[in-house]
Amino acid sequence: MNNKILSLLGFASKAGKLSFGFDAAITAAKSGKAKLIVIAEDISPKSCKEAMFFADKENVKYLILKGIDIMAVSKAVGRKCGVIAVNDSGFANACLEAYM
């Protein structure tokens, strides 16, 4: 499960379908571009709470990746970040299915 989500995030990154970092993810959610917010397990509680708040406010689904830390997410997408917006519905749905 974990490897599949990281692989999907890697493919989405190469396809240019991600917004990297907390601020970019929130901006994508506010603009209606984001289809899913992905949150690494070890980001700060405050950042996690804020990301979930904005996702709920903008009706964007979110995933908190249990057992997947910032380092693993960063390695998968090629940039250091703990919060990512997936801006493609196909990748977002695939991530949600892989997580279930």
Protein backbone atom coordinates (compact mmCIF):
# COMPACT_ATOMS: atom_id res chain seq x y z
CA MET A 1 0.00 0.00 0.00
CA ASN A 2 2.67 2.52 1.02
CA ASN A 3 4.84 1.79 -2.01
CA LYS A 4 1.88 2.15 -4.35
CA ILE A 5 0.97 5.60 -3.04
CA LEU A 6 4.58 6.75 -3.21
CA SER A 7 4.84 5.41 -6.77
CA LEU A 8 1.65 7.22 -7.76
CA LEU A 9 2.95 10.45 -6.24
CA GLY A 10 6.19 9.98 -8.16
CA PHE A 11 4.31 9.53 -11.45
CA ALA A 12 2.10 12.53 -10.69
CA SER A 13 5.20 14.60 -9.95
CA LYS A 14 6.79 13.68 -13.28
CA ALA A 15 3.50 14.49 -15.03
CA GLY A 16 3.41 17.93 -13.39
CA LYS A 17 0.18 17.26 -11.52
CA LEU A 18 1.31 18.19 -7.99
CA SER A 19 1.63 21.36 -5.93
CA PHE A 20 4.52 20.97 -3.47
CA GLY A 21 4.52 22.28 0.09
CA PHE A 22 1.96 23.60 2.53
CA ASP A 23 1.43 27.04 0.97
CA ALA A 24 1.19 25.73 -2.60
CA ALA A 25 -1.23 22.99 -1.55
CA ILE A 26 -3.50 25.45 0.26
CA THR A 27 -3.41 27.84 -2.72
CA ALA A 28 -4.33 24.95 -5.04
CA ALA A 29 -7.24 24.01 -2.75
CA LYS A 30 -8.50 27.60 -2.60
CA SER A 31 -8.32 27.98 -6.38
CA GLY A 32 -10.24 24.75 -6.95
CA LYS A 33 -7.27 23.08 -8.65
CA ALA A 34 -6.54 20.52 -5.92
CA LYS A 35 -8.41 17.21 -5.98
CA LEU A 36 -6.60 15.71 -2.97
CA ILE A 37 -4.29 16.93 -0.20
CA VAL A 38 -1.65 14.40 0.88
CA ILE A 39 -0.09 14.90 4.32
CA ALA A 40 3.01 13.07 5.59
CA GLU A 41 2.67 11.46 9.00
CA ASP A 42 5.38 13.50 10.72
CA ILE A 43 4.51 17.09 9.83
CA SER A 44 3.79 19.38 12.77
CA PRO A 45 0.38 18.98 14.43
CA LYS A 46 -0.38 22.65 13.71
CA SER A 47 0.36 22.30 9.99
CA CYS A 48 -1.64 19.08 9.82
CA LYS A 49 -4.62 20.70 11.52
CA GLU A 50 -4.47 23.72 9.20
CA ALA A 51 -4.17 21.56 6.07
CA MET A 52 -7.20 19.50 7.15
CA PHE A 53 -9.13 22.70 7.93
CA PHE A 54 -8.53 24.21 4.49
CA ALA A 55 -9.23 20.88 2.76
CA ASP A 56 -12.58 20.61 4.56
CA LYS A 57 -13.38 24.27 3.91
CA GLU A 58 -12.73 23.88 0.16
CA ASN A 59 -14.37 20.41 -0.07
CA VAL A 60 -11.09 18.72 -0.99
CA LYS A 61 -10.38 15.20 0.26
CA TYR A 62 -7.20 14.63 2.23
CA LEU A 63 -5.02 11.70 3.25
CA ILE A 64 -2.73 11.52 6.26
CA LEU A 65 -0.14 8.94 5.27
CA LYS A 66 0.27 6.70 8.31
CA GLY A 67 3.72 5.15 8.38
CA ILE A 68 5.06 7.45 5.63
CA ASP A 69 7.28 10.32 6.74
CA ILE A 70 8.41 13.54 5.05
CA MET A 71 11.66 11.90 3.93
CA ALA A 72 9.83 9.11 2.06
CA VAL A 73 7.38 11.53 0.43
CA SER A 74 10.21 13.87 -0.55
CA LYS A 75 12.20 11.02 -2.07
CA ALA A 76 9.17 9.85 -4.07
CA VAL A 77 8.36 13.27 -5.57
CA GLY A 78 11.88 14.63 -5.86
CA ARG A 79 11.35 17.69 -3.63
CA LYS A 80 11.41 18.19 0.13
CA CYS A 81 7.82 18.59 1.28
CA GLY A 82 5.36 17.11 3.76
CA VAL A 83 2.13 18.44 2.27
CA ILE A 84 1.23 17.96 -1.40
CA ALA A 85 -1.82 18.81 -3.47
CA VAL A 86 -2.72 16.34 -6.22
CA ASN A 87 -4.21 18.43 -9.03
CA ASP A 88 -5.44 15.59 -11.24
CA SER A 89 -8.60 13.63 -10.49
CA GLY A 90 -7.20 10.40 -11.95
CA PHE A 91 -4.12 10.45 -9.72
CA ALA A 92 -6.22 11.58 -6.75
CA ASN A 93 -8.68 8.70 -7.16
CA ALA A 94 -5.84 6.21 -7.62
CA CYS A 95 -4.19 7.45 -4.40
CA LEU A 96 -7.46 7.14 -2.49
CA GLU A 97 -8.01 3.60 -3.81
CA ALA A 98 -4.44 2.58 -2.98
CA TYR A 99 -4.82 3.90 0.57
CA MET A 100 -8.00 1.96 1.30
